[in-house]
Amino acid sequence: MRAYIGEGLREDLAKLEQTSEVTKLVESLRKLGVSDAVLETAVAEARVEYNI
């Protein structure tokens, strides 16, 4: 049971870290003049999971 909970916690922490990195990237691109529409599209495309 502990291993199962620990695995879930590690996965959640990894997701939070990725979200933080994406946020930093978006803010940096925004400062460089990239439009919000372009940023929203790029983030949406990056979050799509392809299942083959």
N, C-alpha and C. Protein backbone atom coordinates (compact mmCIF):
# COMPACT_ATOMS: atom_id res chain seq x y z
N MET A 1 0.83 -1.19 0.00
CA MET A 1 0.00 0.00 0.00
C MET A 1 0.88 1.26 0.00
N ARG A 2 1.92 1.28 0.83
CA ARG A 2 2.80 2.45 0.88
C ARG A 2 3.46 2.71 -0.46
N ALA A 3 3.89 1.64 -1.11
CA ALA A 3 4.55 1.80 -2.41
C ALA A 3 3.58 2.40 -3.43
N TYR A 4 2.33 1.97 -3.37
CA TYR A 4 1.32 2.49 -4.29
C TYR A 4 1.09 3.98 -4.05
N ILE A 5 0.97 4.38 -2.81
CA ILE A 5 0.77 5.79 -2.46
C ILE A 5 2.01 6.60 -2.84
N GLY A 6 3.18 6.07 -2.56
CA GLY A 6 4.42 6.76 -2.91
C GLY A 6 4.55 6.98 -4.40
N GLU A 7 4.15 5.98 -5.18
CA GLU A 7 4.20 6.10 -6.64
C GLU A 7 3.27 7.21 -7.11
N GLY A 8 2.07 7.26 -6.57
CA GLY A 8 1.12 8.32 -6.93
C GLY A 8 1.64 9.69 -6.57
N LEU A 9 2.27 9.80 -5.41
CA LEU A 9 2.83 11.08 -4.98
C LEU A 9 3.95 11.53 -5.92
N ARG A 10 4.81 10.60 -6.30
CA ARG A 10 5.90 10.94 -7.23
C ARG A 10 5.34 11.41 -8.57
N GLU A 11 4.30 10.75 -9.05
CA GLU A 11 3.69 11.15 -10.32
C GLU A 11 3.07 12.55 -10.21
N ASP A 12 2.38 12.82 -9.11
CA ASP A 12 1.77 14.13 -8.91
C ASP A 12 2.83 15.23 -8.82
N LEU A 13 3.91 14.96 -8.12
CA LEU A 13 4.98 15.95 -8.00
C LEU A 13 5.63 16.22 -9.36
N ALA A 14 5.78 15.19 -10.17
CA ALA A 14 6.35 15.36 -11.50
C ALA A 14 5.44 16.23 -12.37
N LYS A 15 4.13 16.02 -12.26
CA LYS A 15 3.17 16.83 -13.02
C LYS A 15 3.24 18.28 -12.58
N LEU A 16 3.33 18.52 -11.28
CA LEU A 16 3.41 19.89 -10.78
C LEU A 16 4.68 20.57 -11.26
N GLU A 17 5.78 19.84 -11.28
CA GLU A 17 7.05 20.40 -11.74
C GLU A 17 6.96 20.76 -13.21
N GLN A 18 6.35 19.91 -14.01
CA GLN A 18 6.19 20.20 -15.44
C GLN A 18 5.33 21.44 -15.64
N THR A 19 4.26 21.56 -14.86
CA THR A 19 3.38 22.72 -14.96
C THR A 19 4.15 23.98 -14.65
N SER A 20 5.00 23.92 -13.63
CA SER A 20 5.81 25.07 -13.25
C SER A 20 6.75 25.47 -14.38
N GLU A 21 7.37 24.50 -15.03
CA GLU A 21 8.28 24.77 -16.14
C GLU A 21 7.53 25.38 -17.32
N VAL A 22 6.34 24.87 -17.60
CA VAL A 22 5.54 25.42 -18.69
C VAL A 22 5.16 26.86 -18.39
N THR A 23 4.80 27.13 -17.15
CA THR A 23 4.43 28.49 -16.75
C THR A 23 5.61 29.44 -16.94
N LYS A 24 6.79 29.01 -16.55
CA LYS A 24 7.99 29.85 -16.73
C LYS A 24 8.25 30.11 -18.20
N LEU A 25 8.11 29.10 -19.03
CA LEU A 25 8.34 29.25 -20.46
C LEU A 25 7.33 30.21 -21.07
N VAL A 26 6.06 30.06 -20.71
CA VAL A 26 5.02 30.94 -21.25
C VAL A 26 5.29 32.39 -20.85
N GLU A 27 5.65 32.62 -19.61
CA GLU A 27 5.94 33.99 -19.16
C GLU A 27 7.13 34.57 -19.91
N SER A 28 8.14 33.78 -20.14
CA SER A 28 9.31 34.24 -20.88
C SER A 28 8.94 34.60 -22.32
N LEU A 29 8.17 33.75 -22.96
CA LEU A 29 7.75 34.01 -24.34
C LEU A 29 6.85 35.24 -24.42
N ARG A 30 6.00 35.41 -23.42
CA ARG A 30 5.12 36.58 -23.38
C ARG A 30 5.96 37.86 -23.31
N LYS A 31 7.02 37.85 -22.51
CA LYS A 31 7.91 39.01 -22.39
C LYS A 31 8.59 39.32 -23.72
N LEU A 32 8.81 38.28 -24.53
CA LEU A 32 9.45 38.47 -25.83
C LEU A 32 8.46 38.90 -26.91
N GLY A 33 7.19 39.03 -26.54
CA GLY A 33 6.20 39.53 -27.48
C GLY A 33 5.34 38.50 -28.18
N VAL A 34 5.42 37.25 -27.76
CA VAL A 34 4.57 36.22 -28.36
C VAL A 34 3.14 36.45 -27.89
N SER A 35 2.20 36.43 -28.81
CA SER A 35 0.81 36.74 -28.46
C SER A 35 0.18 35.64 -27.61
N ASP A 36 -0.82 36.04 -26.83
CA ASP A 36 -1.52 35.08 -25.98
C ASP A 36 -2.21 33.99 -26.80
N ALA A 37 -2.72 34.36 -27.97
CA ALA A 37 -3.39 33.37 -28.82
C ALA A 37 -2.41 32.27 -29.24
N VAL A 38 -1.21 32.66 -29.61
CA VAL A 38 -0.19 31.69 -30.02
C VAL A 38 0.21 30.83 -28.83
N LEU A 39 0.40 31.45 -27.68
CA LEU A 39 0.78 30.71 -26.47
C LEU A 39 -0.30 29.71 -26.07
N GLU A 40 -1.56 30.13 -26.11
CA GLU A 40 -2.66 29.24 -25.74
C GLU A 40 -2.72 28.03 -26.68
N THR A 41 -2.55 28.27 -27.96
CA THR A 41 -2.56 27.17 -28.93
C THR A 41 -1.41 26.21 -28.69
N ALA A 42 -0.23 26.76 -28.47
CA ALA A 42 0.96 25.92 -28.25
C ALA A 42 0.82 25.07 -26.99
N VAL A 43 0.34 25.66 -25.91
CA VAL A 43 0.17 24.92 -24.66
C VAL A 43 -0.89 23.84 -24.83
N ALA A 44 -1.98 24.16 -25.50
CA ALA A 44 -3.04 23.17 -25.72
C ALA A 44 -2.51 22.00 -26.54
N GLU A 45 -1.74 22.29 -27.58
CA GLU A 45 -1.17 21.22 -28.40
C GLU A 45 -0.17 20.38 -27.62
N ALA A 46 0.59 21.00 -26.75
CA ALA A 46 1.59 20.28 -25.97
C ALA A 46 0.94 19.34 -24.96
N ARG A 47 -0.25 19.67 -24.52
CA ARG A 47 -0.93 18.86 -23.50
C ARG A 47 -1.74 17.71 -24.08
N VAL A 48 -1.90 17.67 -25.39
CA VAL A 48 -2.65 16.60 -26.03
C VAL A 48 -1.85 15.31 -25.94
N GLU A 49 -2.52 14.24 -25.53
CA GLU A 49 -1.86 12.94 -25.47
C GLU A 49 -2.28 12.13 -26.68
N TYR A 50 -1.30 11.63 -27.39
CA TYR A 50 -1.59 10.82 -28.55
C TYR A 50 -1.50 9.35 -28.16
N ASN A 51 -2.60 8.65 -28.35
CA ASN A 51 -2.65 7.22 -28.05
C ASN A 51 -2.79 6.45 -29.35
N ILE A 52 -1.77 5.68 -29.67
CA ILE A 52 -1.79 4.91 -30.91
C ILE A 52 -2.01 3.46 -30.58
